[in-house]
Each structure stands twice: as C-alpha cells, then as structure tokens.
Amino acid sequence: MVPFYWCGDGNLYTLMWPLRFISHGEQL
C-alpha cells in the first residue's frame, strides 16, 4: 500500500496491489 496524489481532483489516495498470488480465503 502506498499514498498517491491524484492531480485530477487534488486529493490523496492509497493504492493497494498484491505482491504475489493470494488464494481464495487467504488473509491480506
């Protein structure tokens, strides 16, 4: 997870993505 400043609306968001395959039922 990383913070991301979006110039489109001048707001700060967080981006989240998987680092490896995460199977069904597995905790993030």
mmCIF file of all heavy atoms, coordinates in Angstrom:
data_MODEL
# 
_entry.id   MODEL 
# 
loop_
_atom_site.group_PDB 
_atom_site.id 
_atom_site.type_symbol 
_atom_site.label_atom_id 
_atom_site.label_alt_id 
_atom_site.label_comp_id 
_atom_site.label_asym_id 
_atom_site.label_entity_id 
_atom_site.label_seq_id 
_atom_site.pdbx_PDB_ins_code 
_atom_site.Cartn_x 
_atom_site.Cartn_y 
_atom_site.Cartn_z 
_atom_site.occupancy 
_atom_site.B_iso_or_equiv 
_atom_site.pdbx_formal_charge 
_atom_site.auth_seq_id 
_atom_site.auth_comp_id 
_atom_site.auth_asym_id 
_atom_site.auth_atom_id 
_atom_site.pdbx_PDB_model_num 
ATOM 1   N N   . MET A 1 1  ? 0.853   -1.184  0.000   1.00 0.00 ? 1  MET A N   1 
ATOM 2   C CA  . MET A 1 1  ? 0.000   0.000   0.000   1.00 0.00 ? 1  MET A CA  1 
ATOM 3   C C   . MET A 1 1  ? 0.889   1.234   0.000   1.00 0.00 ? 1  MET A C   1 
ATOM 4   O O   . MET A 1 1  ? 1.852   1.304   0.766   1.00 0.00 ? 1  MET A O   1 
ATOM 5   C CB  . MET A 1 1  ? -0.920  0.006   1.226   1.00 0.00 ? 1  MET A CB  1 
ATOM 6   C CG  . MET A 1 1  ? -1.871  -1.168  1.288   1.00 0.00 ? 1  MET A CG  1 
ATOM 7   S SD  . MET A 1 1  ? -2.777  -1.261  2.869   1.00 0.00 ? 1  MET A SD  1 
ATOM 8   C CE  . MET A 1 1  ? -3.794  0.205   2.753   1.00 0.00 ? 1  MET A CE  1 
ATOM 9   N N   . VAL A 1 2  ? 0.562   2.213   -0.863  1.00 0.00 ? 2  VAL A N   1 
ATOM 10  C CA  . VAL A 1 2  ? 1.345   3.443   -0.940  1.00 0.00 ? 2  VAL A CA  1 
ATOM 11  C C   . VAL A 1 2  ? 0.393   4.628   -1.108  1.00 0.00 ? 2  VAL A C   1 
ATOM 12  O O   . VAL A 1 2  ? -0.671  4.501   -1.716  1.00 0.00 ? 2  VAL A O   1 
ATOM 13  C CB  . VAL A 1 2  ? 2.343   3.421   -2.121  1.00 0.00 ? 2  VAL A CB  1 
ATOM 14  C CG1 . VAL A 1 2  ? 3.365   2.313   -1.958  1.00 0.00 ? 2  VAL A CG1 1 
ATOM 15  C CG2 . VAL A 1 2  ? 1.626   3.312   -3.450  1.00 0.00 ? 2  VAL A CG2 1 
ATOM 16  N N   . PRO A 1 3  ? 0.768   5.803   -0.574  1.00 0.00 ? 3  PRO A N   1 
ATOM 17  C CA  . PRO A 1 3  ? -0.046  7.005   -0.822  1.00 0.00 ? 3  PRO A CA  1 
ATOM 18  C C   . PRO A 1 3  ? 0.169   7.488   -2.248  1.00 0.00 ? 3  PRO A C   1 
ATOM 19  O O   . PRO A 1 3  ? 1.245   7.295   -2.839  1.00 0.00 ? 3  PRO A O   1 
ATOM 20  C CB  . PRO A 1 3  ? 0.512   8.015   0.191   1.00 0.00 ? 3  PRO A CB  1 
ATOM 21  C CG  . PRO A 1 3  ? 1.922   7.580   0.410   1.00 0.00 ? 3  PRO A CG  1 
ATOM 22  C CD  . PRO A 1 3  ? 1.932   6.091   0.302   1.00 0.00 ? 3  PRO A CD  1 
ATOM 23  N N   . PHE A 1 4  ? -0.873  8.104   -2.817  1.00 0.00 ? 4  PHE A N   1 
ATOM 24  C CA  . PHE A 1 4  ? -0.780  8.571   -4.197  1.00 0.00 ? 4  PHE A CA  1 
ATOM 25  C C   . PHE A 1 4  ? -1.571  9.862   -4.355  1.00 0.00 ? 4  PHE A C   1 
ATOM 26  O O   . PHE A 1 4  ? -2.768  9.914   -4.040  1.00 0.00 ? 4  PHE A O   1 
ATOM 27  C CB  . PHE A 1 4  ? -1.322  7.511   -5.162  1.00 0.00 ? 4  PHE A CB  1 
ATOM 28  C CG  . PHE A 1 4  ? -1.079  7.845   -6.610  1.00 0.00 ? 4  PHE A CG  1 
ATOM 29  C CD1 . PHE A 1 4  ? 0.138   7.567   -7.205  1.00 0.00 ? 4  PHE A CD1 1 
ATOM 30  C CD2 . PHE A 1 4  ? -2.073  8.448   -7.381  1.00 0.00 ? 4  PHE A CD2 1 
ATOM 31  C CE1 . PHE A 1 4  ? 0.376   7.883   -8.532  1.00 0.00 ? 4  PHE A CE1 1 
ATOM 32  C CE2 . PHE A 1 4  ? -1.850  8.768   -8.711  1.00 0.00 ? 4  PHE A CE2 1 
ATOM 33  C CZ  . PHE A 1 4  ? -0.618  8.485   -9.287  1.00 0.00 ? 4  PHE A CZ  1 
ATOM 34  N N   . TYR A 1 5  ? -0.884  10.906  -4.816  1.00 0.00 ? 5  TYR A N   1 
ATOM 35  C CA  . TYR A 1 5  ? -1.545  12.188  -5.047  1.00 0.00 ? 5  TYR A CA  1 
ATOM 36  C C   . TYR A 1 5  ? -2.083  12.224  -6.478  1.00 0.00 ? 5  TYR A C   1 
ATOM 37  O O   . TYR A 1 5  ? -1.331  12.135  -7.438  1.00 0.00 ? 5  TYR A O   1 
ATOM 38  C CB  . TYR A 1 5  ? -0.568  13.344  -4.832  1.00 0.00 ? 5  TYR A CB  1 
ATOM 39  C CG  . TYR A 1 5  ? -1.209  14.695  -5.045  1.00 0.00 ? 5  TYR A CG  1 
ATOM 40  C CD1 . TYR A 1 5  ? -1.936  15.301  -4.027  1.00 0.00 ? 5  TYR A CD1 1 
ATOM 41  C CD2 . TYR A 1 5  ? -1.102  15.352  -6.271  1.00 0.00 ? 5  TYR A CD2 1 
ATOM 42  C CE1 . TYR A 1 5  ? -2.546  16.531  -4.224  1.00 0.00 ? 5  TYR A CE1 1 
ATOM 43  C CE2 . TYR A 1 5  ? -1.704  16.580  -6.469  1.00 0.00 ? 5  TYR A CE2 1 
ATOM 44  C CZ  . TYR A 1 5  ? -2.423  17.161  -5.451  1.00 0.00 ? 5  TYR A CZ  1 
ATOM 45  O OH  . TYR A 1 5  ? -3.028  18.375  -5.644  1.00 0.00 ? 5  TYR A OH  1 
ATOM 46  N N   . TRP A 1 6  ? -3.413  12.352  -6.608  1.00 0.00 ? 6  TRP A N   1 
ATOM 47  C CA  . TRP A 1 6  ? -4.078  12.358  -7.910  1.00 0.00 ? 6  TRP A CA  1 
ATOM 48  C C   . TRP A 1 6  ? -4.344  13.800  -8.309  1.00 0.00 ? 6  TRP A C   1 
ATOM 49  O O   . TRP A 1 6  ? -5.120  14.524  -7.676  1.00 0.00 ? 6  TRP A O   1 
ATOM 50  C CB  . TRP A 1 6  ? -5.367  11.546  -7.812  1.00 0.00 ? 6  TRP A CB  1 
ATOM 51  C CG  . TRP A 1 6  ? -6.424  11.704  -8.867  1.00 0.00 ? 6  TRP A CG  1 
ATOM 52  C CD1 . TRP A 1 6  ? -7.755  11.853  -8.649  1.00 0.00 ? 6  TRP A CD1 1 
ATOM 53  C CD2 . TRP A 1 6  ? -6.259  11.678  -10.280 1.00 0.00 ? 6  TRP A CD2 1 
ATOM 54  N NE1 . TRP A 1 6  ? -8.437  11.937  -9.834  1.00 0.00 ? 6  TRP A NE1 1 
ATOM 55  C CE2 . TRP A 1 6  ? -7.533  11.824  -10.869 1.00 0.00 ? 6  TRP A CE2 1 
ATOM 56  C CE3 . TRP A 1 6  ? -5.150  11.564  -11.126 1.00 0.00 ? 6  TRP A CE3 1 
ATOM 57  C CZ2 . TRP A 1 6  ? -7.750  11.856  -12.241 1.00 0.00 ? 6  TRP A CZ2 1 
ATOM 58  C CZ3 . TRP A 1 6  ? -5.358  11.593  -12.508 1.00 0.00 ? 6  TRP A CZ3 1 
ATOM 59  C CH2 . TRP A 1 6  ? -6.633  11.730  -13.049 1.00 0.00 ? 6  TRP A CH2 1 
ATOM 60  N N   . CYS A 1 7  ? -3.674  14.237  -9.377  1.00 0.00 ? 7  CYS A N   1 
ATOM 61  C CA  . CYS A 1 7  ? -3.790  15.621  -9.816  1.00 0.00 ? 7  CYS A CA  1 
ATOM 62  C C   . CYS A 1 7  ? -5.183  15.932  -10.351 1.00 0.00 ? 7  CYS A C   1 
ATOM 63  O O   . CYS A 1 7  ? -5.551  17.106  -10.477 1.00 0.00 ? 7  CYS A O   1 
ATOM 64  C CB  . CYS A 1 7  ? -2.751  15.914  -10.893 1.00 0.00 ? 7  CYS A CB  1 
ATOM 65  S SG  . CYS A 1 7  ? -1.055  15.869  -10.293 1.00 0.00 ? 7  CYS A SG  1 
ATOM 66  N N   . GLY A 1 8  ? -5.951  14.903  -10.680 1.00 0.00 ? 8  GLY A N   1 
ATOM 67  C CA  . GLY A 1 8  ? -7.269  15.121  -11.234 1.00 0.00 ? 8  GLY A CA  1 
ATOM 68  C C   . GLY A 1 8  ? -8.198  15.868  -10.301 1.00 0.00 ? 8  GLY A C   1 
ATOM 69  O O   . GLY A 1 8  ? -8.975  16.711  -10.737 1.00 0.00 ? 8  GLY A O   1 
ATOM 70  N N   . ASP A 1 9  ? -8.145  15.562  -9.016  1.00 0.00 ? 9  ASP A N   1 
ATOM 71  C CA  . ASP A 1 9  ? -9.010  16.265  -8.066  1.00 0.00 ? 9  ASP A CA  1 
ATOM 72  C C   . ASP A 1 9  ? -8.233  16.857  -6.898  1.00 0.00 ? 9  ASP A C   1 
ATOM 73  O O   . ASP A 1 9  ? -8.821  17.400  -5.968  1.00 0.00 ? 9  ASP A O   1 
ATOM 74  C CB  . ASP A 1 9  ? -10.107 15.333  -7.539  1.00 0.00 ? 9  ASP A CB  1 
ATOM 75  C CG  . ASP A 1 9  ? -9.559  14.094  -6.843  1.00 0.00 ? 9  ASP A CG  1 
ATOM 76  O OD1 . ASP A 1 9  ? -8.337  14.036  -6.601  1.00 0.00 ? 9  ASP A OD1 1 
ATOM 77  O OD2 . ASP A 1 9  ? -10.352 13.182  -6.542  1.00 0.00 ? 9  ASP A OD2 1 
ATOM 78  N N   . GLY A 1 10 ? -6.906  16.756  -6.941  1.00 0.00 ? 10 GLY A N   1 
ATOM 79  C CA  . GLY A 1 10 ? -6.098  17.325  -5.876  1.00 0.00 ? 10 GLY A CA  1 
ATOM 80  C C   . GLY A 1 10 ? -6.206  16.609  -4.557  1.00 0.00 ? 10 GLY A C   1 
ATOM 81  O O   . GLY A 1 10 ? -5.928  17.183  -3.511  1.00 0.00 ? 10 GLY A O   1 
ATOM 82  N N   . ASN A 1 11 ? -6.593  15.319  -4.586  1.00 0.00 ? 11 ASN A N   1 
ATOM 83  C CA  . ASN A 1 11 ? -6.757  14.553  -3.357  1.00 0.00 ? 11 ASN A CA  1 
ATOM 84  C C   . ASN A 1 11 ? -5.712  13.455  -3.253  1.00 0.00 ? 11 ASN A C   1 
ATOM 85  O O   . ASN A 1 11 ? -5.127  13.022  -4.250  1.00 0.00 ? 11 ASN A O   1 
ATOM 86  C CB  . ASN A 1 11 ? -8.159  13.930  -3.298  1.00 0.00 ? 11 ASN A CB  1 
ATOM 87  C CG  . ASN A 1 11 ? -9.221  14.970  -3.006  1.00 0.00 ? 11 ASN A CG  1 
ATOM 88  O OD1 . ASN A 1 11 ? -8.987  15.932  -2.287  1.00 0.00 ? 11 ASN A OD1 1 
ATOM 89  N ND2 . ASN A 1 11 ? -10.397 14.778  -3.588  1.00 0.00 ? 11 ASN A ND2 1 
ATOM 90  N N   . LEU A 1 12 ? -5.530  13.013  -2.016  1.00 0.00 ? 12 LEU A N   1 
ATOM 91  C CA  . LEU A 1 12 ? -4.598  11.926  -1.734  1.00 0.00 ? 12 LEU A CA  1 
ATOM 92  C C   . LEU A 1 12 ? -5.371  10.634  -1.539  1.00 0.00 ? 12 LEU A C   1 
ATOM 93  O O   . LEU A 1 12 ? -6.389  10.599  -0.849  1.00 0.00 ? 12 LEU A O   1 
ATOM 94  C CB  . LEU A 1 12 ? -3.800  12.251  -0.471  1.00 0.00 ? 12 LEU A CB  1 
ATOM 95  C CG  . LEU A 1 12 ? -2.570  11.395  -0.178  1.00 0.00 ? 12 LEU A CG  1 
ATOM 96  C CD1 . LEU A 1 12 ? -1.471  11.658  -1.203  1.00 0.00 ? 12 LEU A CD1 1 
ATOM 97  C CD2 . LEU A 1 12 ? -2.033  11.715  1.228   1.00 0.00 ? 12 LEU A CD2 1 
ATOM 98  N N   . TYR A 1 13 ? -4.896  9.574   -2.178  1.00 0.00 ? 13 TYR A N   1 
ATOM 99  C CA  . TYR A 1 13 ? -5.498  8.254   -2.060  1.00 0.00 ? 13 TYR A CA  1 
ATOM 100 C C   . TYR A 1 13 ? -4.409  7.256   -1.659  1.00 0.00 ? 13 TYR A C   1 
ATOM 101 O O   . TYR A 1 13 ? -3.229  7.601   -1.550  1.00 0.00 ? 13 TYR A O   1 
ATOM 102 C CB  . TYR A 1 13 ? -6.114  7.820   -3.392  1.00 0.00 ? 13 TYR A CB  1 
ATOM 103 C CG  . TYR A 1 13 ? -7.241  8.702   -3.871  1.00 0.00 ? 13 TYR A CG  1 
ATOM 104 C CD1 . TYR A 1 13 ? -6.985  9.819   -4.670  1.00 0.00 ? 13 TYR A CD1 1 
ATOM 105 C CD2 . TYR A 1 13 ? -8.568  8.419   -3.540  1.00 0.00 ? 13 TYR A CD2 1 
ATOM 106 C CE1 . TYR A 1 13 ? -8.009  10.642  -5.111  1.00 0.00 ? 13 TYR A CE1 1 
ATOM 107 C CE2 . TYR A 1 13 ? -9.606  9.230   -3.984  1.00 0.00 ? 13 TYR A CE2 1 
ATOM 108 C CZ  . TYR A 1 13 ? -9.319  10.343  -4.765  1.00 0.00 ? 13 TYR A CZ  1 
ATOM 109 O OH  . TYR A 1 13 ? -10.342 11.140  -5.202  1.00 0.00 ? 13 TYR A OH  1 
ATOM 110 N N   . THR A 1 14 ? -4.829  6.018   -1.464  1.00 0.00 ? 14 THR A N   1 
ATOM 111 C CA  . THR A 1 14 ? -3.883  4.923   -1.272  1.00 0.00 ? 14 THR A CA  1 
ATOM 112 C C   . THR A 1 14 ? -4.095  3.907   -2.380  1.00 0.00 ? 14 THR A C   1 
ATOM 113 O O   . THR A 1 14 ? -5.237  3.591   -2.734  1.00 0.00 ? 14 THR A O   1 
ATOM 114 C CB  . THR A 1 14 ? -4.077  4.257   0.105   1.00 0.00 ? 14 THR A CB  1 
ATOM 115 O OG1 . THR A 1 14 ? -3.668  5.174   1.126   1.00 0.00 ? 14 THR A OG1 1 
ATOM 116 C CG2 . THR A 1 14 ? -3.248  2.985   0.229   1.00 0.00 ? 14 THR A CG2 1 
ATOM 117 N N   . LEU A 1 15 ? -2.989  3.426   -2.943  1.00 0.00 ? 15 LEU A N   1 
ATOM 118 C CA  . LEU A 1 15 ? -3.039  2.348   -3.929  1.00 0.00 ? 15 LEU A CA  1 
ATOM 119 C C   . LEU A 1 15 ? -2.649  1.053   -3.237  1.00 0.00 ? 15 LEU A C   1 
ATOM 120 O O   . LEU A 1 15 ? -1.699  1.017   -2.447  1.00 0.00 ? 15 LEU A O   1 
ATOM 121 C CB  . LEU A 1 15 ? -2.074  2.618   -5.090  1.00 0.00 ? 15 LEU A CB  1 
ATOM 122 C CG  . LEU A 1 15 ? -2.246  3.945   -5.844  1.00 0.00 ? 15 LEU A CG  1 
ATOM 123 C CD1 . LEU A 1 15 ? -1.223  4.032   -6.974  1.00 0.00 ? 15 LEU A CD1 1 
ATOM 124 C CD2 . LEU A 1 15 ? -3.663  4.080   -6.388  1.00 0.00 ? 15 LEU A CD2 1 
ATOM 125 N N   . MET A 1 16 ? -3.378  -0.018  -3.537  1.00 0.00 ? 16 MET A N   1 
ATOM 126 C CA  . MET A 1 16 ? -3.078  -1.326  -2.953  1.00 0.00 ? 16 MET A CA  1 
ATOM 127 C C   . MET A 1 16 ? -3.075  -2.371  -4.058  1.00 0.00 ? 16 MET A C   1 
ATOM 128 O O   . MET A 1 16 ? -3.973  -2.408  -4.890  1.00 0.00 ? 16 MET A O   1 
ATOM 129 C CB  . MET A 1 16 ? -4.122  -1.672  -1.895  1.00 0.00 ? 16 MET A CB  1 
ATOM 130 C CG  . MET A 1 16 ? -3.833  -2.973  -1.131  1.00 0.00 ? 16 MET A CG  1 
ATOM 131 S SD  . MET A 1 16 ? -4.574  -4.448  -1.910  1.00 0.00 ? 16 MET A SD  1 
ATOM 132 C CE  . MET A 1 16 ? -6.300  -4.181  -1.540  1.00 0.00 ? 16 MET A CE  1 
ATOM 133 N N   . TRP A 1 17 ? -2.035  -3.222  -4.085  1.00 0.00 ? 17 TRP A N   1 
ATOM 134 C CA  . TRP A 1 17 ? -1.970  -4.296  -5.083  1.00 0.00 ? 17 TRP A CA  1 
ATOM 135 C C   . TRP A 1 17 ? -1.255  -5.510  -4.481  1.00 0.00 ? 17 TRP A C   1 
ATOM 136 O O   . TRP A 1 17 ? -0.483  -5.377  -3.532  1.00 0.00 ? 17 TRP A O   1 
ATOM 137 C CB  . TRP A 1 17 ? -1.247  -3.810  -6.348  1.00 0.00 ? 17 TRP A CB  1 
ATOM 138 C CG  . TRP A 1 17 ? 0.221   -3.535  -6.208  1.00 0.00 ? 17 TRP A CG  1 
ATOM 139 C CD1 . TRP A 1 17 ? 1.240   -4.398  -6.450  1.00 0.00 ? 17 TRP A CD1 1 
ATOM 140 C CD2 . TRP A 1 17 ? 0.833   -2.309  -5.767  1.00 0.00 ? 17 TRP A CD2 1 
ATOM 141 N NE1 . TRP A 1 17 ? 2.438   -3.794  -6.205  1.00 0.00 ? 17 TRP A NE1 1 
ATOM 142 C CE2 . TRP A 1 17 ? 2.226   -2.515  -5.807  1.00 0.00 ? 17 TRP A CE2 1 
ATOM 143 C CE3 . TRP A 1 17 ? 0.335   -1.058  -5.368  1.00 0.00 ? 17 TRP A CE3 1 
ATOM 144 C CZ2 . TRP A 1 17 ? 3.127   -1.518  -5.437  1.00 0.00 ? 17 TRP A CZ2 1 
ATOM 145 C CZ3 . TRP A 1 17 ? 1.240   -0.068  -5.007  1.00 0.00 ? 17 TRP A CZ3 1 
ATOM 146 C CH2 . TRP A 1 17 ? 2.610   -0.305  -5.036  1.00 0.00 ? 17 TRP A CH2 1 
ATOM 147 N N   . PRO A 1 18 ? -1.500  -6.713  -5.026  1.00 0.00 ? 18 PRO A N   1 
ATOM 148 C CA  . PRO A 1 18 ? -0.861  -7.927  -4.495  1.00 0.00 ? 18 PRO A CA  1 
ATOM 149 C C   . PRO A 1 18 ? 0.593   -8.030  -4.935  1.00 0.00 ? 18 PRO A C   1 
ATOM 150 O O   . PRO A 1 18 ? 0.941   -7.684  -6.070  1.00 0.00 ? 18 PRO A O   1 
ATOM 151 C CB  . PRO A 1 18 ? -1.703  -9.060  -5.095  1.00 0.00 ? 18 PRO A CB  1 
ATOM 152 C CG  . PRO A 1 18 ? -2.257  -8.472  -6.352  1.00 0.00 ? 18 PRO A CG  1 
ATOM 153 C CD  . PRO A 1 18 ? -2.480  -7.014  -6.075  1.00 0.00 ? 18 PRO A CD  1 
ATOM 154 N N   . LEU A 1 19 ? 1.419   -8.514  -4.056  1.00 0.00 ? 19 LEU A N   1 
ATOM 155 C CA  . LEU A 1 19 ? 2.828   -8.738  -4.370  1.00 0.00 ? 19 LEU A CA  1 
ATOM 156 C C   . LEU A 1 19 ? 3.063   -10.147 -4.909  1.00 0.00 ? 19 LEU A C   1 
ATOM 157 O O   . LEU A 1 19 ? 4.075   -10.397 -5.574  1.00 0.00 ? 19 LEU A O   1 
ATOM 158 C CB  . LEU A 1 19 ? 3.676   -8.527  -3.115  1.00 0.00 ? 19 LEU A CB  1 
ATOM 159 C CG  . LEU A 1 19 ? 3.701   -7.102  -2.551  1.00 0.00 ? 19 LEU A CG  1 
ATOM 160 C CD1 . LEU A 1 19 ? 4.440   -7.076  -1.213  1.00 0.00 ? 19 LEU A CD1 1 
ATOM 161 C CD2 . LEU A 1 19 ? 4.353   -6.133  -3.526  1.00 0.00 ? 19 LEU A CD2 1 
ATOM 162 N N   . ARG A 1 20 ? 2.165   -11.039 -4.608  1.00 0.00 ? 20 ARG A N   1 
ATOM 163 C CA  . ARG A 1 20 ? 2.237   -12.423 -5.098  1.00 0.00 ? 20 ARG A CA  1 
ATOM 164 C C   . ARG A 1 20 ? 0.812   -12.935 -5.229  1.00 0.00 ? 20 ARG A C   1 
ATOM 165 O O   . ARG A 1 20 ? -0.153  -12.239 -4.890  1.00 0.00 ? 20 ARG A O   1 
ATOM 166 C CB  . ARG A 1 20 ? 3.039   -13.305 -4.132  1.00 0.00 ? 20 ARG A CB  1 
ATOM 167 C CG  . ARG A 1 20 ? 2.467   -13.349 -2.726  1.00 0.00 ? 20 ARG A CG  1 
ATOM 168 C CD  . ARG A 1 20 ? 3.163   -14.402 -1.887  1.00 0.00 ? 20 ARG A CD  1 
ATOM 169 N NE  . ARG A 1 20 ? 2.688   -14.407 -0.505  1.00 0.00 ? 20 ARG A NE  1 
ATOM 170 C CZ  . ARG A 1 20 ? 1.561   -14.980 -0.089  1.00 0.00 ? 20 ARG A CZ  1 
ATOM 171 N NH1 . ARG A 1 20 ? 0.744   -15.592 -0.979  1.00 0.00 ? 20 ARG A NH1 1 
ATOM 172 N NH2 . ARG A 1 20 ? 1.217   -14.969 1.186   1.00 0.00 ? 20 ARG A NH2 1 
ATOM 173 N N   . PHE A 1 21 ? 0.661   -14.135 -5.754  1.00 0.00 ? 21 PHE A N   1 
ATOM 174 C CA  . PHE A 1 21 ? -0.681  -14.698 -5.889  1.00 0.00 ? 21 PHE A CA  1 
ATOM 175 C C   . PHE A 1 21 ? -1.269  -14.938 -4.484  1.00 0.00 ? 21 PHE A C   1 
ATOM 176 O O   . PHE A 1 21 ? -0.621  -15.502 -3.601  1.00 0.00 ? 21 PHE A O   1 
ATOM 177 C CB  . PHE A 1 21 ? -0.637  -16.020 -6.650  1.00 0.00 ? 21 PHE A CB  1 
ATOM 178 C CG  . PHE A 1 21 ? -1.996  -16.630 -6.813  1.00 0.00 ? 21 PHE A CG  1 
ATOM 179 C CD1 . PHE A 1 21 ? -2.889  -16.154 -7.767  1.00 0.00 ? 21 PHE A CD1 1 
ATOM 180 C CD2 . PHE A 1 21 ? -2.401  -17.674 -5.983  1.00 0.00 ? 21 PHE A CD2 1 
ATOM 181 C CE1 . PHE A 1 21 ? -4.149  -16.715 -7.897  1.00 0.00 ? 21 PHE A CE1 1 
ATOM 182 C CE2 . PHE A 1 21 ? -3.660  -18.232 -6.116  1.00 0.00 ? 21 PHE A CE2 1 
ATOM 183 C CZ  . PHE A 1 21 ? -4.542  -17.742 -7.080  1.00 0.00 ? 21 PHE A CZ  1 
ATOM 184 N N   . ILE A 1 22 ? -2.503  -14.482 -4.273  1.00 0.00 ? 22 ILE A N   1 
ATOM 185 C CA  . ILE A 1 22 ? -3.192  -14.655 -2.994  1.00 0.00 ? 22 ILE A CA  1 
ATOM 186 C C   . ILE A 1 22 ? -4.428  -15.507 -3.261  1.00 0.00 ? 22 ILE A C   1 
ATOM 187 O O   . ILE A 1 22 ? -5.321  -15.115 -4.020  1.00 0.00 ? 22 ILE A O   1 
ATOM 188 C CB  . ILE A 1 22 ? -3.609  -13.296 -2.392  1.00 0.00 ? 22 ILE A CB  1 
ATOM 189 C CG1 . ILE A 1 22 ? -2.409  -12.340 -2.340  1.00 0.00 ? 22 ILE A CG1 1 
ATOM 190 C CG2 . ILE A 1 22 ? -4.181  -13.492 -0.989  1.00 0.00 ? 22 ILE A CG2 1 
ATOM 191 C CD1 . ILE A 1 22 ? -2.759  -10.930 -1.882  1.00 0.00 ? 22 ILE A CD1 1 
ATOM 192 N N   . SER A 1 23 ? -4.448  -16.665 -2.667  1.00 0.00 ? 23 SER A N   1 
ATOM 193 C CA  . SER A 1 23 ? -5.517  -17.625 -2.957  1.00 0.00 ? 23 SER A CA  1 
ATOM 194 C C   . SER A 1 23 ? -6.815  -17.276 -2.233  1.00 0.00 ? 23 SER A C   1 
ATOM 195 O O   . SER A 1 23 ? -6.830  -16.467 -1.299  1.00 0.00 ? 23 SER A O   1 
ATOM 196 C CB  . SER A 1 23 ? -5.066  -19.027 -2.559  1.00 0.00 ? 23 SER A CB  1 
ATOM 197 O OG  . SER A 1 23 ? -4.767  -19.076 -1.176  1.00 0.00 ? 23 SER A OG  1 
ATOM 198 N N   . HIS A 1 24 ? -7.889  -17.913 -2.656  1.00 0.00 ? 24 HIS A N   1 
ATOM 199 C CA  . HIS A 1 24 ? -9.210  -17.707 -2.055  1.00 0.00 ? 24 HIS A CA  1 
ATOM 200 C C   . HIS A 1 24 ? -9.163  -18.042 -0.553  1.00 0.00 ? 24 HIS A C   1 
ATOM 201 O O   . HIS A 1 24 ? -8.637  -19.077 -0.140  1.00 0.00 ? 24 HIS A O   1 
ATOM 202 C CB  . HIS A 1 24 ? -10.241 -18.598 -2.753  1.00 0.00 ? 24 HIS A CB  1 
ATOM 203 C CG  . HIS A 1 24 ? -11.580 -18.571 -2.103  1.00 0.00 ? 24 HIS A CG  1 
ATOM 204 N ND1 . HIS A 1 24 ? -12.041 -19.586 -1.291  1.00 0.00 ? 24 HIS A ND1 1 
ATOM 205 C CD2 . HIS A 1 24 ? -12.553 -17.627 -2.115  1.00 0.00 ? 24 HIS A CD2 1 
ATOM 206 C CE1 . HIS A 1 24 ? -13.236 -19.290 -0.853  1.00 0.00 ? 24 HIS A CE1 1 
ATOM 207 N NE2 . HIS A 1 24 ? -13.587 -18.112 -1.340  1.00 0.00 ? 24 HIS A NE2 1 
ATOM 208 N N   . GLY A 1 25 ? -9.698  -17.128 0.262   1.00 0.00 ? 25 GLY A N   1 
ATOM 209 C CA  . GLY A 1 25 ? -9.726  -17.339 1.709   1.00 0.00 ? 25 GLY A CA  1 
ATOM 210 C C   . GLY A 1 25 ? -8.481  -16.881 2.432   1.00 0.00 ? 25 GLY A C   1 
ATOM 211 O O   . GLY A 1 25 ? -8.460  -16.835 3.669   1.00 0.00 ? 25 GLY A O   1 
ATOM 212 N N   . GLU A 1 26 ? -7.428  -16.547 1.690   1.00 0.00 ? 26 GLU A N   1 
ATOM 213 C CA  . GLU A 1 26 ? -6.190  -16.110 2.328   1.00 0.00 ? 26 GLU A CA  1 
ATOM 214 C C   . GLU A 1 26 ? -6.319  -14.654 2.786   1.00 0.00 ? 26 GLU A C   1 
ATOM 215 O O   . GLU A 1 26 ? -6.894  -13.810 2.102   1.00 0.00 ? 26 GLU A O   1 
ATOM 216 C CB  . GLU A 1 26 ? -5.013  -16.239 1.358   1.00 0.00 ? 26 GLU A CB  1 
ATOM 217 C CG  . GLU A 1 26 ? -3.660  -15.968 2.005   1.00 0.00 ? 26 GLU A CG  1 
ATOM 218 C CD  . GLU A 1 26 ? -2.496  -16.181 1.045   1.00 0.00 ? 26 GLU A CD  1 
ATOM 219 O OE1 . GLU A 1 26 ? -2.736  -16.670 -0.089  1.00 0.00 ? 26 GLU A OE1 1 
ATOM 220 O OE2 . GLU A 1 26 ? -1.358  -15.855 1.419   1.00 0.00 ? 26 GLU A OE2 1 
ATOM 221 N N   . GLN A 1 27 ? -5.761  -14.363 3.958   1.00 0.00 ? 27 GLN A N   1 
ATOM 222 C CA  . GLN A 1 27 ? -5.837  -13.024 4.526   1.00 0.00 ? 27 GLN A CA  1 
ATOM 223 C C   . GLN A 1 27 ? -4.887  -12.075 3.810   1.00 0.00 ? 27 GLN A C   1 
ATOM 224 O O   . GLN A 1 27 ? -3.759  -12.436 3.470   1.00 0.00 ? 27 GLN A O   1 
ATOM 225 C CB  . GLN A 1 27 ? -5.494  -13.073 6.014   1.00 0.00 ? 27 GLN A CB  1 
ATOM 226 C CG  . GLN A 1 27 ? -5.677  -11.760 6.758   1.00 0.00 ? 27 GLN A CG  1 
ATOM 227 C CD  . GLN A 1 27 ? -5.272  -11.865 8.207   1.00 0.00 ? 27 GLN A CD  1 
ATOM 228 O OE1 . GLN A 1 27 ? -4.110  -11.622 8.562   1.00 0.00 ? 27 GLN A OE1 1 
ATOM 229 N NE2 . GLN A 1 27 ? -6.219  -12.239 9.058   1.00 0.00 ? 27 GLN A NE2 1 
ATOM 230 N N   . LEU A 1 28 ? -5.345  -10.843 3.577   1.00 0.00 ? 28 LEU A N   1 
ATOM 231 C CA  . LEU A 1 28 ? -4.477  -9.806  3.012   1.00 0.00 ? 28 LEU A CA  1 
ATOM 232 C C   . LEU A 1 28 ? -3.608  -9.222  4.122   1.00 0.00 ? 28 LEU A C   1 
ATOM 233 O O   . LEU A 1 28 ? -4.089  -8.920  5.217   1.00 0.00 ? 28 LEU A O   1 
ATOM 234 C CB  . LEU A 1 28 ? -5.309  -8.694  2.374   1.00 0.00 ? 28 LEU A CB  1 
ATOM 235 C CG  . LEU A 1 28 ? -5.674  -8.845  0.893   1.00 0.00 ? 28 LEU A CG  1 
ATOM 236 C CD1 . LEU A 1 28 ? -6.523  -10.086 0.677   1.00 0.00 ? 28 LEU A CD1 1 
ATOM 237 C CD2 . LEU A 1 28 ? -6.384  -7.605  0.379   1.00 0.00 ? 28 LEU A CD2 1 
# 
